[in-house]
Amino acid sequence: MPHFTSRELNQDVSRAKRAAETGPVIITDRGRPSHVLMTYEEFERLSGKRRNLVDALSMPGLSSIEFDPPRAVISVREVDLS
């Protein structure tokens, strides 16, 4: 994960924004992490905003998850109408 000091961020915001396009960027203040810079799309994804099935299924890395649910068995019951 890329790191920028507060000073580096102030001197070159464009570079930090470009770095945030590939993932979160940690901003440090006096050597300690203090903020995270990310794209608004990533923020929405992490905060649960604007979530729909298409977005959820198109998330990277899902193709490596094995999913084979058992087939549902539906049986008919007799009804007593007496």
PDB file of N, CA and C in Angstrom:
ATOM      1  N   MET A   1       0.848  -1.170   0.000  1.00  0.00           N
ATOM      2  CA  MET A   1       0.000   0.000   0.000  1.00  0.00           C
ATOM      3  C   MET A   1       0.899   1.242   0.000  1.00  0.00           C
ATOM      4  N   PRO A   2       0.673   2.168  -0.915  1.00  0.00           N
ATOM      5  CA  PRO A   2       1.506   3.372  -0.956  1.00  0.00           C
ATOM      6  C   PRO A   2       1.326   4.250   0.283  1.00  0.00           C
ATOM      7  N   HIS A   3       2.402   4.895   0.672  1.00  0.00           N
ATOM      8  CA  HIS A   3       2.391   5.827   1.807  1.00  0.00           C
ATOM      9  C   HIS A   3       2.838   7.204   1.320  1.00  0.00           C
ATOM     10  N   PHE A   4       2.216   8.241   1.837  1.00  0.00           N
ATOM     11  CA  PHE A   4       2.625   9.614   1.585  1.00  0.00           C
ATOM     12  C   PHE A   4       2.691  10.317   2.928  1.00  0.00           C
ATOM     13  N   THR A   5       3.703  11.110   3.120  1.00  0.00           N
ATOM     14  CA  THR A   5       3.712  11.956   4.308  1.00  0.00           C
ATOM     15  C   THR A   5       2.768  13.121   4.044  1.00  0.00           C
ATOM     16  N   SER A   6       2.350  13.819   5.088  1.00  0.00           N
ATOM     17  CA  SER A   6       1.489  14.987   4.912  1.00  0.00           C
ATOM     18  C   SER A   6       2.162  16.008   4.005  1.00  0.00           C
ATOM     19  N   ARG A   7       3.450  16.156   4.154  1.00  0.00           N
ATOM     20  CA  ARG A   7       4.203  17.113   3.337  1.00  0.00           C
ATOM     21  C   ARG A   7       4.192  16.694   1.865  1.00  0.00           C
ATOM     22  N   GLU A   8       4.438  15.390   1.598  1.00  0.00           N
ATOM     23  CA  GLU A   8       4.413  14.902   0.221  1.00  0.00           C
ATOM     24  C   GLU A   8       3.030  15.086  -0.409  1.00  0.00           C
ATOM     25  N   LEU A   9       2.002  14.845   0.372  1.00  0.00           N
ATOM     26  CA  LEU A   9       0.643  15.028  -0.123  1.00  0.00           C
ATOM     27  C   LEU A   9       0.404  16.486  -0.505  1.00  0.00           C
ATOM     28  N   ASN A  10       0.801  17.398   0.359  1.00  0.00           N
ATOM     29  CA  ASN A  10       0.612  18.826   0.077  1.00  0.00           C
ATOM     30  C   ASN A  10       1.400  19.273  -1.146  1.00  0.00           C
ATOM     31  N   GLN A  11       2.556  18.683  -1.375  1.00  0.00           N
ATOM     32  CA  GLN A  11       3.396  19.088  -2.496  1.00  0.00           C
ATOM     33  C   GLN A  11       2.936  18.491  -3.825  1.00  0.00           C
ATOM     34  N   ASP A  12       2.293  17.320  -3.798  1.00  0.00           N
ATOM     35  CA  ASP A  12       1.902  16.668  -5.049  1.00  0.00           C
ATOM     36  C   ASP A  12       0.604  15.874  -4.873  1.00  0.00           C
ATOM     37  N   VAL A  13      -0.504  16.598  -4.774  1.00  0.00           N
ATOM     38  CA  VAL A  13      -1.811  15.970  -4.584  1.00  0.00           C
ATOM     39  C   VAL A  13      -2.164  15.086  -5.787  1.00  0.00           C
ATOM     40  N   SER A  14      -1.809  15.532  -6.978  1.00  0.00           N
ATOM     41  CA  SER A  14      -2.138  14.765  -8.193  1.00  0.00           C
ATOM     42  C   SER A  14      -1.511  13.376  -8.165  1.00  0.00           C
ATOM     43  N   ARG A  15      -0.268  13.285  -7.708  1.00  0.00           N
ATOM     44  CA  ARG A  15       0.408  11.986  -7.632  1.00  0.00           C
ATOM     45  C   ARG A  15      -0.296  11.074  -6.628  1.00  0.00           C
ATOM     46  N   ALA A  16      -0.726  11.625  -5.510  1.00  0.00           N
ATOM     47  CA  ALA A  16      -1.435  10.841  -4.502  1.00  0.00           C
ATOM     48  C   ALA A  16      -2.779  10.362  -5.048  1.00  0.00           C
ATOM     49  N   LYS A  17      -3.483  11.223  -5.788  1.00  0.00           N
ATOM     50  CA  LYS A  17      -4.764  10.835  -6.376  1.00  0.00           C
ATOM     51  C   LYS A  17      -4.574   9.733  -7.417  1.00  0.00           C
ATOM     52  N   ARG A  18      -3.515   9.810  -8.204  1.00  0.00           N
ATOM     53  CA  ARG A  18      -3.233   8.750  -9.183  1.00  0.00           C
ATOM     54  C   ARG A  18      -2.937   7.431  -8.466  1.00  0.00           C
ATOM     55  N   ALA A  19      -2.198   7.502  -7.373  1.00  0.00           N
ATOM     56  CA  ALA A  19      -1.880   6.296  -6.604  1.00  0.00           C
ATOM     57  C   ALA A  19      -3.150   5.688  -6.017  1.00  0.00           C
ATOM     58  N   ALA A  20      -4.112   6.517  -5.638  1.00  0.00           N
ATOM     59  CA  ALA A  20      -5.361   6.035  -5.049  1.00  0.00           C
ATOM     60  C   ALA A  20      -6.238   5.319  -6.075  1.00  0.00           C
ATOM     61  N   GLU A  21      -5.974   5.494  -7.351  1.00  0.00           N
ATOM     62  CA  GLU A  21      -6.747   4.800  -8.388  1.00  0.00           C
ATOM     63  C   GLU A  21      -6.516   3.290  -8.333  1.00  0.00           C
ATOM     64  N   THR A  22      -5.368   2.858  -7.821  1.00  0.00           N
ATOM     65  CA  THR A  22      -5.062   1.427  -7.754  1.00  0.00           C
ATOM     66  C   THR A  22      -5.334   0.833  -6.375  1.00  0.00           C
ATOM     67  N   GLY A  23      -5.678   1.665  -5.402  1.00  0.00           N
ATOM     68  CA  GLY A  23      -5.978   1.169  -4.060  1.00  0.00           C
ATOM     69  C   GLY A  23      -5.777   2.260  -3.034  1.00  0.00           C
ATOM     70  N   PRO A  24      -6.126   2.001  -1.784  1.00  0.00           N
ATOM     71  CA  PRO A  24      -5.996   3.002  -0.728  1.00  0.00           C
ATOM     72  C   PRO A  24      -4.554   3.483  -0.552  1.00  0.00           C
ATOM     73  N   VAL A  25      -4.419   4.764  -0.202  1.00  0.00           N
ATOM     74  CA  VAL A  25      -3.119   5.381   0.050  1.00  0.00           C
ATOM     75  C   VAL A  25      -3.109   5.855   1.499  1.00  0.00           C
ATOM     76  N   ILE A  26      -2.092   5.459   2.241  1.00  0.00           N
ATOM     77  CA  ILE A  26      -1.977   5.861   3.643  1.00  0.00           C
ATOM     78  C   ILE A  26      -1.236   7.192   3.718  1.00  0.00           C
ATOM     79  N   ILE A  27      -1.816   8.139   4.444  1.00  0.00           N
ATOM     80  CA  ILE A  27      -1.181   9.433   4.674  1.00  0.00           C
ATOM     81  C   ILE A  27      -0.662   9.418   6.110  1.00  0.00           C
ATOM     82  N   THR A  28       0.612   9.740   6.258  1.00  0.00           N
ATOM     83  CA  THR A  28       1.197   9.731   7.598  1.00  0.00           C
ATOM     84  C   THR A  28       1.424  11.154   8.094  1.00  0.00           C
ATOM     85  N   ASP A  29       1.367  11.299   9.388  1.00  0.00           N
ATOM     86  CA  ASP A  29       1.643  12.577  10.050  1.00  0.00           C
ATOM     87  C   ASP A  29       2.619  12.292  11.180  1.00  0.00           C
ATOM     88  N   ARG A  30       3.795  12.850  11.066  1.00  0.00           N
ATOM     89  CA  ARG A  30       4.878  12.606  12.038  1.00  0.00           C
ATOM     90  C   ARG A  30       5.204  11.110  12.143  1.00  0.00           C
ATOM     91  N   GLY A  31       5.174  10.432  10.990  1.00  0.00           N
ATOM     92  CA  GLY A  31       5.561   9.032  10.935  1.00  0.00           C
ATOM     93  C   GLY A  31       4.476   8.031  11.293  1.00  0.00           C
ATOM     94  N   ARG A  32       3.313   8.508  11.668  1.00  0.00           N
ATOM     95  CA  ARG A  32       2.232   7.608  12.059  1.00  0.00           C
ATOM     96  C   ARG A  32       1.061   7.729  11.086  1.00  0.00           C
ATOM     97  N   PRO A  33       0.440   6.628  10.715  1.00  0.00           N
ATOM     98  CA  PRO A  33      -0.718   6.698   9.818  1.00  0.00           C
ATOM     99  C   PRO A  33      -1.810   7.575  10.425  1.00  0.00           C
ATOM    100  N   SER A  34      -2.335   8.494   9.632  1.00  0.00           N
ATOM    101  CA  SER A  34      -3.368   9.385  10.160  1.00  0.00           C
ATOM    102  C   SER A  34      -4.618   9.438   9.277  1.00  0.00           C
ATOM    103  N   HIS A  35      -4.463   9.217   7.972  1.00  0.00           N
ATOM    104  CA  HIS A  35      -5.603   9.279   7.055  1.00  0.00           C
ATOM    105  C   HIS A  35      -5.415   8.250   5.940  1.00  0.00           C
ATOM    106  N   VAL A  36      -6.503   7.979   5.242  1.00  0.00           N
ATOM    107  CA  VAL A  36      -6.462   7.093   4.077  1.00  0.00           C
ATOM    108  C   VAL A  36      -7.136   7.813   2.926  1.00  0.00           C
ATOM    109  N   LEU A  37      -6.468   7.840   1.789  1.00  0.00           N
ATOM    110  CA  LEU A  37      -7.016   8.442   0.580  1.00  0.00           C
ATOM    111  C   LEU A  37      -7.453   7.311  -0.341  1.00  0.00           C
ATOM    112  N   MET A  38      -8.707   7.386  -0.829  1.00  0.00           N
ATOM    113  CA  MET A  38      -9.213   6.368  -1.748  1.00  0.00           C
ATOM    114  C   MET A  38     -10.189   7.026  -2.707  1.00  0.00           C
ATOM    115  N   THR A  39     -10.501   6.315  -3.770  1.00  0.00           N
ATOM    116  CA  THR A  39     -11.473   6.841  -4.714  1.00  0.00           C
ATOM    117  C   THR A  39     -12.857   6.820  -4.074  1.00  0.00           C
ATOM    118  N   TYR A  40     -13.735   7.651  -4.608  1.00  0.00           N
ATOM    119  CA  TYR A  40     -15.094   7.685  -4.073  1.00  0.00           C
ATOM    120  C   TYR A  40     -15.812   6.365  -4.341  1.00  0.00           C
ATOM    121  N   GLU A  41     -15.536   5.741  -5.480  1.00  0.00           N
ATOM    122  CA  GLU A  41     -16.121   4.429  -5.779  1.00  0.00           C
ATOM    123  C   GLU A  41     -15.747   3.407  -4.707  1.00  0.00           C
ATOM    124  N   GLU A  42     -14.485   3.398  -4.309  1.00  0.00           N
ATOM    125  CA  GLU A  42     -14.023   2.464  -3.273  1.00  0.00           C
ATOM    126  C   GLU A  42     -14.689   2.779  -1.940  1.00  0.00           C
ATOM    127  N   PHE A  43     -14.829   4.058  -1.624  1.00  0.00           N
ATOM    128  CA  PHE A  43     -15.507   4.471  -0.398  1.00  0.00           C
ATOM    129  C   PHE A  43     -16.950   3.973  -0.386  1.00  0.00           C
ATOM    130  N   GLU A  44     -17.661   4.148  -1.509  1.00  0.00           N
ATOM    131  CA  GLU A  44     -19.046   3.675  -1.591  1.00  0.00           C
ATOM    132  C   GLU A  44     -19.118   2.163  -1.413  1.00  0.00           C
ATOM    133  N   ARG A  45     -18.189   1.452  -2.033  1.00  0.00           N
ATOM    134  CA  ARG A  45     -18.176  -0.008  -1.920  1.00  0.00           C
ATOM    135  C   ARG A  45     -17.965  -0.435  -0.468  1.00  0.00           C
ATOM    136  N   LEU A  46     -17.015   0.204   0.208  1.00  0.00           N
ATOM    137  CA  LEU A  46     -16.715  -0.174   1.592  1.00  0.00           C
ATOM    138  C   LEU A  46     -17.802   0.248   2.572  1.00  0.00           C
ATOM    139  N   SER A  47     -18.478   1.347   2.280  1.00  0.00           N
ATOM    140  CA  SER A  47     -19.493   1.839   3.209  1.00  0.00           C
ATOM    141  C   SER A  47     -20.862   1.238   2.946  1.00  0.00           C
ATOM    142  N   GLY A  48     -20.979   0.409   1.907  1.00  0.00           N
ATOM    143  CA  GLY A  48     -22.240  -0.258   1.636  1.00  0.00           C
ATOM    144  C   GLY A  48     -23.222   0.587   0.856  1.00  0.00           C
ATOM    145  N   LYS A  49     -22.825   1.735   0.381  1.00  0.00           N
ATOM    146  CA  LYS A  49     -23.708   2.585  -0.404  1.00  0.00           C
ATOM    147  C   LYS A  49     -23.884   1.997  -1.801  1.00  0.00           C
ATOM    148  N   ARG A  50     -25.042   2.213  -2.369  1.00  0.00           N
ATOM    149  CA  ARG A  50     -25.341   1.871  -3.765  1.00  0.00           C
ATOM    150  C   ARG A  50     -24.987   0.427  -4.111  1.00  0.00           C
ATOM    151  N   ARG A  51     -25.341  -0.477  -3.250  1.00  0.00           N
ATOM    152  CA  ARG A  51     -25.011  -1.887  -3.457  1.00  0.00           C
ATOM    153  C   ARG A  51     -26.163  -2.575  -4.184  1.00  0.00           C
ATOM    154  N   ASN A  52     -25.854  -3.264  -5.252  1.00  0.00           N
ATOM    155  CA  ASN A  52     -26.860  -4.066  -5.920  1.00  0.00           C
ATOM    156  C   ASN A  52     -26.223  -5.389  -6.323  1.00  0.00           C
ATOM    157  N   LEU A  53     -27.022  -6.297  -6.813  1.00  0.00           N
ATOM    158  CA  LEU A  53     -26.542  -7.634  -7.123  1.00  0.00           C
ATOM    159  C   LEU A  53     -25.467  -7.630  -8.201  1.00  0.00           C
ATOM    160  N   VAL A  54     -25.636  -6.815  -9.219  1.00  0.00           N
ATOM    161  CA  VAL A  54     -24.650  -6.750 -10.304  1.00  0.00           C
ATOM    162  C   VAL A  54     -23.299  -6.276  -9.768  1.00  0.00           C
ATOM    163  N   ASP A  55     -23.298  -5.218  -8.930  1.00  0.00           N
ATOM    164  CA  ASP A  55     -22.044  -4.736  -8.347  1.00  0.00           C
ATOM    165  C   ASP A  55     -21.402  -5.806  -7.471  1.00  0.00           C
ATOM    166  N   ALA A  56     -22.209  -6.486  -6.676  1.00  0.00           N
ATOM    167  CA  ALA A  56     -21.676  -7.511  -5.778  1.00  0.00           C
ATOM    168  C   ALA A  56     -21.059  -8.665  -6.559  1.00  0.00           C
ATOM    169  N   LEU A  57     -21.714  -9.089  -7.640  1.00  0.00           N
ATOM    170  CA  LEU A  57     -21.207 -10.220  -8.418  1.00  0.00           C
ATOM    171  C   LEU A  57     -20.031  -9.855  -9.302  1.00  0.00           C
ATOM    172  N   SER A  58     -19.808  -8.574  -9.542  1.00  0.00           N
ATOM    173  CA  SER A  58     -18.693  -8.161 -10.394  1.00  0.00           C
ATOM    174  C   SER A  58     -17.450  -7.780  -9.590  1.00  0.00           C
ATOM    175  N   MET A  59     -17.476  -8.012  -8.280  1.00  0.00           N
ATOM    176  CA  MET A  59     -16.320  -7.690  -7.450  1.00  0.00           C
ATOM    177  C   MET A  59     -15.137  -8.571  -7.838  1.00  0.00           C
ATOM    178  N   PRO A  60     -13.932  -8.000  -7.864  1.00  0.00           N
ATOM    179  CA  PRO A  60     -12.759  -8.809  -8.215  1.00  0.00           C
ATOM    180  C   PRO A  60     -12.509  -9.914  -7.194  1.00  0.00           C
ATOM    181  N   GLY A  61     -12.030 -11.049  -7.680  1.00  0.00           N
ATOM    182  CA  GLY A  61     -11.666 -12.151  -6.791  1.00  0.00           C
ATOM    183  C   GLY A  61     -12.770 -13.158  -6.547  1.00  0.00           C
ATOM    184  N   LEU A  62     -13.996 -12.863  -6.992  1.00  0.00           N
ATOM    185  CA  LEU A  62     -15.093 -13.785  -6.728  1.00  0.00           C
ATOM    186  C   LEU A  62     -14.998 -15.062  -7.548  1.00  0.00           C
ATOM    187  N   SER A  63     -14.321 -15.027  -8.677  1.00  0.00           N
ATOM    188  CA  SER A  63     -14.226 -16.225  -9.512  1.00  0.00           C
ATOM    189  C   SER A  63     -13.413 -17.327  -8.833  1.00  0.00           C
ATOM    190  N   SER A  64     -12.603 -16.983  -7.857  1.00  0.00           N
ATOM    191  CA  SER A  64     -11.794 -17.994  -7.172  1.00  0.00           C
ATOM    192  C   SER A  64     -12.546 -18.668  -6.020  1.00  0.00           C
ATOM    193  N   ILE A  65     -13.744 -18.190  -5.700  1.00  0.00           N
ATOM    194  CA  ILE A  65     -14.536 -18.774  -4.616  1.00  0.00           C
ATOM    195  C   ILE A  65     -15.373 -19.908  -5.180  1.00  0.00           C
ATOM    196  N   GLU A  66     -15.265 -21.086  -4.547  1.00  0.00           N
ATOM    197  CA  GLU A  66     -16.037 -22.239  -4.989  1.00  0.00           C
ATOM    198  C   GLU A  66     -17.403 -22.209  -4.318  1.00  0.00           C
ATOM    199  N   PHE A  67     -18.444 -22.295  -5.110  1.00  0.00           N
ATOM    200  CA  PHE A  67     -19.806 -22.243  -4.579  1.00  0.00           C
ATOM    201  C   PHE A  67     -20.640 -23.295  -5.280  1.00  0.00           C
ATOM    202  N   ASP A  68     -21.031 -24.343  -4.560  1.00  0.00           N
ATOM    203  CA  ASP A  68     -21.833 -25.423  -5.120  1.00  0.00           C
ATOM    204  C   ASP A  68     -22.908 -25.795  -4.104  1.00  0.00           C
ATOM    205  N   PRO A  69     -23.990 -24.996  -4.036  1.00  0.00           N
ATOM    206  CA  PRO A  69     -25.025 -25.269  -3.027  1.00  0.00           C
ATOM    207  C   PRO A  69     -25.792 -26.537  -3.364  1.00  0.00           C
ATOM    208  N   PRO A  70     -26.300 -27.254  -2.346  1.00  0.00           N
ATOM    209  CA  PRO A  70     -27.092 -28.457  -2.610  1.00  0.00           C
ATOM    210  C   PRO A  70     -28.420 -28.078  -3.272  1.00  0.00           C
ATOM    211  N   ARG A  71     -28.889 -28.951  -4.119  1.00  0.00           N
ATOM    212  CA  ARG A  71     -30.146 -28.701  -4.822  1.00  0.00           C
ATOM    213  C   ARG A  71     -31.303 -28.842  -3.837  1.00  0.00           C
ATOM    214  N   ALA A  72     -32.242 -27.915  -3.893  1.00  0.00           N
ATOM    215  CA  ALA A  72     -33.402 -27.948  -3.006  1.00  0.00           C
ATOM    216  C   ALA A  72     -34.376 -29.021  -3.457  1.00  0.00           C
ATOM    217  N   VAL A  73     -34.901 -29.772  -2.494  1.00  0.00           N
ATOM    218  CA  VAL A  73     -35.887 -30.803  -2.794  1.00  0.00           C
ATOM    219  C   VAL A  73     -37.232 -30.288  -2.301  1.00  0.00           C
ATOM    220  N   ILE A  74     -38.179 -30.167  -3.219  1.00  0.00           N
ATOM    221  CA  ILE A  74     -39.507 -29.667  -2.871  1.00  0.00           C
ATOM    222  C   ILE A  74     -40.484 -30.830  -3.017  1.00  0.00           C
ATOM    223  N   SER A  75     -41.171 -31.116  -1.943  1.00  0.00           N
ATOM    224  CA  SER A  75     -42.137 -32.226  -1.981  1.00  0.00           C
ATOM    225  C   SER A  75     -43.547 -31.681  -1.840  1.00  0.00           C
ATOM    226  N   VAL A  76     -44.501 -32.413  -2.376  1.00  0.00           N
ATOM    227  CA  VAL A  76     -45.917 -32.022  -2.322  1.00  0.00           C
ATOM    228  C   VAL A  76     -46.548 -32.689  -1.113  1.00  0.00           C
ATOM    229  N   ARG A  77     -47.349 -31.928  -0.366  1.00  0.00           N
ATOM    230  CA  ARG A  77     -48.077 -32.469   0.781  1.00  0.00           C
ATOM    231  C   ARG A  77     -49.557 -32.569   0.426  1.00  0.00           C
ATOM    232  N   GLU A  78     -50.185 -33.573   0.950  1.00  0.00           N
ATOM    233  CA  GLU A  78     -51.623 -33.692   0.751  1.00  0.00           C
ATOM    234  C   GLU A  78     -52.345 -32.738   1.690  1.00  0.00           C
ATOM    235  N   VAL A  79     -53.468 -32.216   1.211  1.00  0.00           N
ATOM    236  CA  VAL A  79     -54.246 -31.272   1.998  1.00  0.00           C
ATOM    237  C   VAL A  79     -55.562 -31.941   2.395  1.00  0.00           C
ATOM    238  N   ASP A  80     -55.894 -31.823   3.663  1.00  0.00           N
ATOM    239  CA  ASP A  80     -57.153 -32.370   4.157  1.00  0.00           C
ATOM    240  C   ASP A  80     -58.157 -31.231   4.275  1.00  0.00           C
ATOM    241  N   LEU A  81     -59.160 -31.211   3.399  1.00  0.00           N
ATOM    242  CA  LEU A  81     -60.154 -30.132   3.395  1.00  0.00           C
ATOM    243  C   LEU A  81     -61.461 -30.555   4.046  1.00  0.00           C
ATOM    244  N   SER A  82     -61.462 -31.605   4.856  1.00  0.00           N
ATOM    245  CA  SER A  82     -62.707 -32.062   5.470  1.00  0.00           C
ATOM    246  C   SER A  82     -63.096 -31.241   6.675  1.00  0.00           C
TER     247      SER A  82
END
